[in-house]
Every structure is written in C-alpha cells, then in structure tokens.
Amino acid sequence: MNKTNIFSTFILSSAILMSCFSCKKNASTNSATNNTINAADSMCLSYQELAQKDIGNNTMKYYVFGMITVTDSIVEKYATMNVQVISKNCAMYPEFACYNKVIDNYLQSKK
C-alpha cells in the first residue's frame, strides 16, 4: 500500500468515525431536549392543577412578570374579582403563564 492509499484510507475512516460521533451526539441532544420538554409540560400541568385548586379555595392569584409594571389600578381591578396580584419582576416564568391561563379562562367564564 502506498502513501496515497494509506492517507485516503485514513481520511475516509476519520470521516466515518466523525459521522458516527455526530449521530450519537445528536441523539443524546434530542433525548435531553425531549426530557426538558416533558419536564416543562409536567411543570405546566402542576401549575394548572394548582390554579384549579386555588379557584376552588377562592385563593386565586395572578402572576405579573416581564416588562409589565404592577400599578395600583391593576391590583384594585383584580382585587374586585378576589384575585391577589403577585409581581415576579422581569424574569419570565412559563409555569406562572400556565397558572394565569387557567385563571384568565375562569374569570372570562364569570363575565
């Protein structure tokens, strides 16, 4: 076997190994992503259940986050519906969005 054939064989083998490594890495990344999605879904369901429980106990809350400033008029508006407004500042909390959605639906159904 001459040097050209050895070099070509080495390049081909390296390409095959890199391809296999890439497939395994993508599979583990996809698995981790699926676990994250499942954890997020589970967290959302937990907060939806908590919202239902709070509705039943008449201890509803509404979580405000992001760029929205909690004003006295917002607090007063929700207080008339027996809802406590809780500010979570700028951080986005998807689980609180799930909670709020249940509360929103309930309040809309009461109109």
N, C-alpha and C. Protein backbone atom coordinates (compact mmCIF):
# COMPACT_ATOMS: atom_id res chain seq x y z
N MET A 1 0.84 -1.16 0.00
CA MET A 1 0.00 0.00 0.00
C MET A 1 0.90 1.24 0.00
N ASN A 2 0.65 2.15 -0.93
CA ASN A 2 1.49 3.34 -0.99
C ASN A 2 0.94 4.42 -0.06
N LYS A 3 1.69 5.51 0.07
CA LYS A 3 1.34 6.59 1.00
C LYS A 3 0.00 7.24 0.64
N THR A 4 -0.32 7.36 -0.63
CA THR A 4 -1.57 7.98 -1.07
C THR A 4 -2.76 7.13 -0.62
N ASN A 5 -2.64 5.81 -0.78
CA ASN A 5 -3.74 4.92 -0.36
C ASN A 5 -3.91 4.93 1.16
N ILE A 6 -2.82 4.95 1.88
CA ILE A 6 -2.89 4.99 3.35
C ILE A 6 -3.56 6.29 3.80
N PHE A 7 -3.15 7.40 3.19
CA PHE A 7 -3.72 8.69 3.53
C PHE A 7 -5.22 8.74 3.20
N SER A 8 -5.60 8.22 2.05
CA SER A 8 -7.01 8.20 1.64
C SER A 8 -7.83 7.33 2.60
N THR A 9 -7.29 6.19 2.98
CA THR A 9 -7.96 5.30 3.92
C THR A 9 -8.14 5.99 5.27
N PHE A 10 -7.11 6.69 5.71
CA PHE A 10 -7.16 7.42 6.98
C PHE A 10 -8.25 8.49 6.94
N ILE A 11 -8.30 9.26 5.86
CA ILE A 11 -9.30 10.32 5.72
C ILE A 11 -10.71 9.73 5.71
N LEU A 12 -10.91 8.65 4.95
CA LEU A 12 -12.21 8.00 4.87
C LEU A 12 -12.64 7.46 6.23
N SER A 13 -11.72 6.81 6.93
CA SER A 13 -12.02 6.26 8.27
C SER A 13 -12.37 7.37 9.25
N SER A 14 -11.62 8.46 9.18
CA SER A 14 -11.88 9.60 10.07
C SER A 14 -13.26 10.19 9.80
N ALA A 15 -13.62 10.30 8.54
CA ALA A 15 -14.93 10.85 8.17
C ALA A 15 -16.05 9.96 8.70
N ILE A 16 -15.87 8.65 8.58
CA ILE A 16 -16.89 7.71 9.06
C ILE A 16 -17.03 7.80 10.59
N LEU A 17 -15.89 7.86 11.28
CA LEU A 17 -15.93 7.97 12.74
C LEU A 17 -16.58 9.27 13.20
N MET A 18 -16.25 10.36 12.52
CA MET A 18 -16.84 11.65 12.87
C MET A 18 -18.35 11.64 12.63
N SER A 19 -18.77 11.00 11.57
CA SER A 19 -20.19 10.89 11.25
C SER A 19 -20.91 10.11 12.34
N CYS A 20 -20.33 9.02 12.79
CA CYS A 20 -20.95 8.21 13.85
C CYS A 20 -21.01 8.99 15.15
N PHE A 21 -19.94 9.71 15.48
CA PHE A 21 -19.91 10.51 16.70
C PHE A 21 -20.99 11.59 16.64
N SER A 22 -21.14 12.19 15.50
CA SER A 22 -22.15 13.24 15.32
C SER A 22 -23.55 12.67 15.51
N CYS A 23 -23.82 11.49 15.00
CA CYS A 23 -25.15 10.87 15.16
C CYS A 23 -25.44 10.61 16.62
N LYS A 24 -24.46 10.08 17.34
CA LYS A 24 -24.66 9.78 18.76
C LYS A 24 -24.88 11.06 19.54
N LYS A 25 -24.12 12.11 19.20
CA LYS A 25 -24.27 13.38 19.89
C LYS A 25 -25.65 13.96 19.63
N ASN A 26 -26.13 13.92 18.39
CA ASN A 26 -27.46 14.44 18.06
C ASN A 26 -28.55 13.65 18.77
N ALA A 27 -28.37 12.34 18.86
CA ALA A 27 -29.36 11.50 19.53
C ALA A 27 -29.43 11.86 21.01
N SER A 28 -28.27 12.07 21.65
CA SER A 28 -28.29 12.42 23.07
C SER A 28 -28.85 13.82 23.26
N THR A 29 -28.57 14.74 22.35
CA THR A 29 -29.12 16.09 22.44
C THR A 29 -30.64 16.04 22.28
N ASN A 30 -31.13 15.26 21.33
CA ASN A 30 -32.58 15.13 21.14
C ASN A 30 -33.23 14.52 22.36
N SER A 31 -32.58 13.54 22.97
CA SER A 31 -33.12 12.91 24.16
C SER A 31 -33.20 13.92 25.30
N ALA A 32 -32.15 14.73 25.47
CA ALA A 32 -32.14 15.74 26.52
C ALA A 32 -33.23 16.78 26.25
N THR A 33 -33.41 17.15 25.00
CA THR A 33 -34.45 18.12 24.64
C THR A 33 -35.82 17.55 24.96
N ASN A 34 -36.07 16.28 24.64
CA ASN A 34 -37.35 15.65 24.94
C ASN A 34 -37.60 15.62 26.44
N ASN A 35 -36.55 15.33 27.24
CA ASN A 35 -36.71 15.32 28.69
C ASN A 35 -37.04 16.72 29.20
N THR A 36 -36.42 17.74 28.63
CA THR A 36 -36.70 19.11 29.03
C THR A 36 -38.13 19.48 28.69
N ILE A 37 -38.58 19.11 27.51
CA ILE A 37 -39.95 19.39 27.10
C ILE A 37 -40.92 18.68 28.03
N ASN A 38 -40.64 17.43 28.35
CA ASN A 38 -41.51 16.69 29.24
C ASN A 38 -41.54 17.31 30.63
N ALA A 39 -40.40 17.78 31.12
CA ALA A 39 -40.34 18.42 32.42
C ALA A 39 -41.14 19.72 32.40
N ALA A 40 -41.02 20.48 31.31
CA ALA A 40 -41.76 21.73 31.18
C ALA A 40 -43.26 21.46 31.13
N ASP A 41 -43.66 20.46 30.37
CA ASP A 41 -45.08 20.10 30.30
C ASP A 41 -45.60 19.68 31.66
N SER A 42 -44.81 18.90 32.38
CA SER A 42 -45.18 18.43 33.70
C SER A 42 -45.34 19.61 34.66
N MET A 43 -44.41 20.57 34.58
CA MET A 43 -44.47 21.74 35.45
C MET A 43 -45.71 22.57 35.13
N CYS A 44 -46.01 22.71 33.84
CA CYS A 44 -47.19 23.47 33.42
C CYS A 44 -48.46 22.80 33.96
N LEU A 45 -48.55 21.50 33.83
CA LEU A 45 -49.72 20.77 34.34
C LEU A 45 -49.86 20.94 35.85
N SER A 46 -48.75 20.93 36.55
CA SER A 46 -48.79 21.10 38.01
C SER A 46 -49.36 22.47 38.38
N TYR A 47 -48.94 23.50 37.65
CA TYR A 47 -49.42 24.85 37.94
C TYR A 47 -50.88 25.03 37.50
N GLN A 48 -51.29 24.33 36.46
CA GLN A 48 -52.70 24.38 36.07
C GLN A 48 -53.56 23.74 37.15
N GLU A 49 -53.08 22.63 37.70
CA GLU A 49 -53.81 21.96 38.78
C GLU A 49 -53.87 22.85 40.03
N LEU A 50 -52.75 23.54 40.31
CA LEU A 50 -52.72 24.44 41.45
C LEU A 50 -53.73 25.58 41.26
N ALA A 51 -53.82 26.09 40.05
CA ALA A 51 -54.79 27.16 39.76
C ALA A 51 -56.21 26.67 39.99
N GLN A 52 -56.50 25.45 39.53
CA GLN A 52 -57.85 24.88 39.76
C GLN A 52 -58.14 24.75 41.25
N LYS A 53 -57.14 24.32 41.99
CA LYS A 53 -57.29 24.18 43.44
C LYS A 53 -57.53 25.55 44.08
N ASP A 54 -56.76 26.56 43.64
CA ASP A 54 -56.92 27.91 44.18
C ASP A 54 -58.29 28.49 43.83
N ILE A 55 -58.80 28.18 42.65
CA ILE A 55 -60.15 28.62 42.29
C ILE A 55 -61.17 28.01 43.26
N GLY A 56 -61.01 26.72 43.51
CA GLY A 56 -61.93 26.03 44.43
C GLY A 56 -61.85 26.57 45.85
N ASN A 57 -60.65 26.99 46.26
CA ASN A 57 -60.45 27.52 47.62
C ASN A 57 -60.66 29.03 47.68
N ASN A 58 -60.97 29.63 46.54
CA ASN A 58 -61.16 31.09 46.45
C ASN A 58 -59.91 31.85 46.92
N THR A 59 -58.74 31.34 46.53
CA THR A 59 -57.46 31.98 46.86
C THR A 59 -56.66 32.22 45.58
N MET A 60 -57.33 32.76 44.58
CA MET A 60 -56.69 32.95 43.27
C MET A 60 -55.60 34.02 43.32
N LYS A 61 -54.63 33.81 42.46
CA LYS A 61 -53.52 34.74 42.31
C LYS A 61 -53.35 35.03 40.82
N TYR A 62 -52.71 36.14 40.52
CA TYR A 62 -52.35 36.43 39.13
C TYR A 62 -50.92 36.92 39.15
N TYR A 63 -50.05 36.19 38.44
CA TYR A 63 -48.63 36.50 38.43
C TYR A 63 -48.31 37.43 37.26
N VAL A 64 -47.67 38.54 37.58
CA VAL A 64 -47.27 39.51 36.58
C VAL A 64 -45.76 39.47 36.47
N PHE A 65 -45.26 39.35 35.23
CA PHE A 65 -43.82 39.29 35.01
C PHE A 65 -43.49 39.93 33.69
N GLY A 66 -42.21 40.11 33.44
CA GLY A 66 -41.78 40.75 32.20
C GLY A 66 -41.72 42.26 32.37
N MET A 67 -42.02 42.96 31.31
CA MET A 67 -41.91 44.42 31.31
C MET A 67 -43.14 45.11 31.90
N ILE A 68 -44.13 44.36 32.31
CA ILE A 68 -45.36 44.94 32.83
C ILE A 68 -45.14 45.43 34.26
N THR A 69 -45.52 46.66 34.50
CA THR A 69 -45.43 47.25 35.84
C THR A 69 -46.77 47.04 36.54
N VAL A 70 -46.70 46.61 37.76
CA VAL A 70 -47.91 46.41 38.54
C VAL A 70 -48.31 47.77 39.12
N THR A 71 -49.44 48.26 38.67
CA THR A 71 -49.95 49.54 39.16
C THR A 71 -51.07 49.31 40.17
N ASP A 72 -51.39 50.36 40.88
CA ASP A 72 -52.49 50.26 41.85
C ASP A 72 -53.81 49.90 41.16
N SER A 73 -54.00 50.44 39.95
CA SER A 73 -55.26 50.14 39.25
C SER A 73 -55.36 48.66 38.87
N ILE A 74 -54.23 48.05 38.51
CA ILE A 74 -54.24 46.61 38.21
C ILE A 74 -54.59 45.82 39.47
N VAL A 75 -53.93 46.17 40.57
CA VAL A 75 -54.18 45.47 41.83
C VAL A 75 -55.64 45.62 42.25
N GLU A 76 -56.17 46.84 42.13
CA GLU A 76 -57.56 47.09 42.51
C GLU A 76 -58.54 46.34 41.62
N LYS A 77 -58.25 46.31 40.31
CA LYS A 77 -59.13 45.60 39.37
C LYS A 77 -59.23 44.12 39.74
N TYR A 78 -58.08 43.50 39.98
CA TYR A 78 -58.10 42.07 40.33
C TYR A 78 -58.66 41.84 41.72
N ALA A 79 -58.46 42.79 42.63
CA ALA A 79 -58.99 42.65 43.99
C ALA A 79 -60.51 42.57 43.97
N THR A 80 -61.14 43.30 43.03
CA THR A 80 -62.61 43.24 42.93
C THR A 80 -63.09 41.85 42.51
N MET A 81 -62.18 41.08 41.91
CA MET A 81 -62.51 39.71 41.50
C MET A 81 -61.93 38.69 42.47
N ASN A 82 -61.47 39.18 43.64
CA ASN A 82 -60.88 38.34 44.67
C ASN A 82 -59.62 37.60 44.19
N VAL A 83 -58.78 38.33 43.46
CA VAL A 83 -57.53 37.77 42.93
C VAL A 83 -56.37 38.60 43.46
N GLN A 84 -55.39 37.92 44.04
CA GLN A 84 -54.19 38.59 44.54
C GLN A 84 -53.18 38.71 43.40
N VAL A 85 -52.67 39.91 43.16
CA VAL A 85 -51.67 40.14 42.12
C VAL A 85 -50.29 40.01 42.74
N ILE A 86 -49.44 39.19 42.09
CA ILE A 86 -48.08 38.97 42.57
C ILE A 86 -47.10 39.32 41.46
N SER A 87 -46.20 40.25 41.73
CA SER A 87 -45.21 40.65 40.74
C SER A 87 -43.99 39.75 40.83
N LYS A 88 -43.54 39.26 39.68
CA LYS A 88 -42.34 38.41 39.62
C LYS A 88 -41.20 39.14 38.90
N ASN A 89 -41.33 40.45 38.76
CA ASN A 89 -40.32 41.30 38.12
C ASN A 89 -40.10 40.91 36.67
N CYS A 90 -38.88 41.05 36.18
CA CYS A 90 -38.62 40.90 34.74
C CYS A 90 -38.51 39.45 34.27
N ALA A 91 -38.18 38.55 35.17
CA ALA A 91 -37.97 37.16 34.74
C ALA A 91 -39.26 36.54 34.21
N MET A 92 -39.13 35.75 33.17
CA MET A 92 -40.28 35.06 32.57
C MET A 92 -40.38 33.67 33.20
N TYR A 93 -41.55 33.35 33.70
CA TYR A 93 -41.79 32.05 34.32
C TYR A 93 -42.90 31.34 33.56
N PRO A 94 -42.57 30.39 32.69
CA PRO A 94 -43.60 29.71 31.91
C PRO A 94 -44.66 29.02 32.77
N GLU A 95 -44.25 28.51 33.92
CA GLU A 95 -45.22 27.82 34.77
C GLU A 95 -46.28 28.79 35.30
N PHE A 96 -45.89 30.05 35.57
CA PHE A 96 -46.86 31.03 36.02
C PHE A 96 -47.78 31.44 34.88
N ALA A 97 -47.27 31.41 33.66
CA ALA A 97 -48.13 31.69 32.50
C ALA A 97 -49.21 30.61 32.39
N CYS A 98 -48.86 29.37 32.67
CA CYS A 98 -49.84 28.27 32.66
C CYS A 98 -50.90 28.50 33.74
N TYR A 99 -50.45 28.91 34.92
CA TYR A 99 -51.37 29.21 36.03
C TYR A 99 -52.31 30.34 35.63
N ASN A 100 -51.73 31.43 35.09
CA ASN A 100 -52.53 32.59 34.71
C ASN A 100 -53.58 32.25 33.65
N LYS A 101 -53.23 31.36 32.74
CA LYS A 101 -54.17 30.99 31.68
C LYS A 101 -55.44 30.37 32.26
N VAL A 102 -55.27 29.52 33.26
CA VAL A 102 -56.43 28.90 33.90
C VAL A 102 -57.26 29.97 34.61
N ILE A 103 -56.59 30.87 35.30
CA ILE A 103 -57.28 31.96 36.00
C ILE A 103 -58.00 32.85 34.99
N ASP A 104 -57.32 33.19 33.89
CA ASP A 104 -57.94 34.00 32.83
C ASP A 104 -59.22 33.35 32.31
N ASN A 105 -59.12 32.07 32.00
CA ASN A 105 -60.29 31.34 31.50
C ASN A 105 -61.44 31.35 32.50
N TYR A 106 -61.10 31.17 33.76
CA TYR A 106 -62.13 31.17 34.80
C TYR A 106 -62.79 32.54 34.90
N LEU A 107 -61.98 33.59 34.93
CA LEU A 107 -62.52 34.94 35.06
C LEU A 107 -63.36 35.31 33.84
N GLN A 108 -62.93 34.88 32.66
CA GLN A 108 -63.73 35.15 31.45
C GLN A 108 -65.07 34.43 31.50
N SER A 109 -65.08 33.24 32.07
CA SER A 109 -66.33 32.48 32.14
C SER A 109 -67.30 33.10 33.15
N LYS A 110 -66.79 33.89 34.10
CA LYS A 110 -67.63 34.52 35.11
C LYS A 110 -68.29 35.79 34.61
N LYS A 111 -67.86 36.31 33.45
CA LYS A 111 -68.44 37.57 32.93
C LYS A 111 -69.82 37.36 32.41
